[in-house]
Amino acid sequence: MMSNWKKYLKRIGVAGFLFFLIKGLVWIFIFLGGAKLLFD
């Protein structure tokens, strides 16, 4: 039973990590794009 929990938590951890990584990259591109528009 514990191995099932570990598998489930690991899956959520990987999905959460990827979600926040992609979200962070998107925000970085938004800020860079905004700065480029402001300073051009």
C-alpha atoms as a PDB file:
ATOM      1  CA  MET A   1       0.000   0.000   0.000  1.00  0.00           C
ATOM      2  CA  MET A   2       2.813   2.428   0.787  1.00  0.00           C
ATOM      3  CA  SER A   3       4.449   1.863  -2.603  1.00  0.00           C
ATOM      4  CA  ASN A   4       1.224   3.028  -4.293  1.00  0.00           C
ATOM      5  CA  TRP A   5       1.305   6.242  -2.246  1.00  0.00           C
ATOM      6  CA  LYS A   6       4.959   6.835  -3.158  1.00  0.00           C
ATOM      7  CA  LYS A   7       4.205   6.331  -6.846  1.00  0.00           C
ATOM      8  CA  TYR A   8       1.233   8.720  -6.634  1.00  0.00           C
ATOM      9  CA  LEU A   9       3.218  11.423  -4.808  1.00  0.00           C
ATOM     10  CA  LYS A  10       6.123  11.091  -7.229  1.00  0.00           C
ATOM     11  CA  ARG A  11       3.760  11.521 -10.189  1.00  0.00           C
ATOM     12  CA  ILE A  12       2.209  14.646  -8.619  1.00  0.00           C
ATOM     13  CA  GLY A  13       5.693  15.972  -7.786  1.00  0.00           C
ATOM     14  CA  VAL A  14       6.918  15.609 -11.371  1.00  0.00           C
ATOM     15  CA  ALA A  15       3.719  17.104 -12.809  1.00  0.00           C
ATOM     16  CA  GLY A  16       3.841  19.992 -10.326  1.00  0.00           C
ATOM     17  CA  PHE A  17       7.518  20.615 -11.044  1.00  0.00           C
ATOM     18  CA  LEU A  18       6.926  20.704 -14.808  1.00  0.00           C
ATOM     19  CA  PHE A  19       3.856  22.929 -14.377  1.00  0.00           C
ATOM     20  CA  PHE A  20       5.721  25.525 -12.309  1.00  0.00           C
ATOM     21  CA  LEU A  21       8.807  25.312 -14.542  1.00  0.00           C
ATOM     22  CA  ILE A  22       6.759  26.030 -17.674  1.00  0.00           C
ATOM     23  CA  LYS A  23       4.727  28.709 -15.866  1.00  0.00           C
ATOM     24  CA  GLY A  24       7.956  30.385 -14.736  1.00  0.00           C
ATOM     25  CA  LEU A  25       9.423  30.315 -18.240  1.00  0.00           C
ATOM     26  CA  VAL A  26       6.236  31.820 -19.678  1.00  0.00           C
ATOM     27  CA  TRP A  27       6.364  34.685 -17.151  1.00  0.00           C
ATOM     28  CA  ILE A  28      10.040  35.311 -17.962  1.00  0.00           C
ATOM     29  CA  PHE A  29       9.194  35.592 -21.669  1.00  0.00           C
ATOM     30  CA  ILE A  30       6.272  37.905 -20.886  1.00  0.00           C
ATOM     31  CA  PHE A  31       8.509  40.203 -18.821  1.00  0.00           C
ATOM     32  CA  LEU A  32      11.278  40.165 -21.441  1.00  0.00           C
ATOM     33  CA  GLY A  33       8.770  40.925 -24.181  1.00  0.00           C
ATOM     34  CA  GLY A  34       7.258  43.752 -22.140  1.00  0.00           C
ATOM     35  CA  ALA A  35      10.669  45.241 -21.410  1.00  0.00           C
ATOM     36  CA  LYS A  36      11.604  45.047 -25.074  1.00  0.00           C
ATOM     37  CA  LEU A  37       8.404  46.886 -26.052  1.00  0.00           C
ATOM     38  CA  LEU A  38       8.995  49.577 -23.408  1.00  0.00           C
ATOM     39  CA  PHE A  39      12.633  50.242 -24.281  1.00  0.00           C
ATOM     40  CA  ASP A  40      12.395  50.094 -28.073  1.00  0.00           C
END
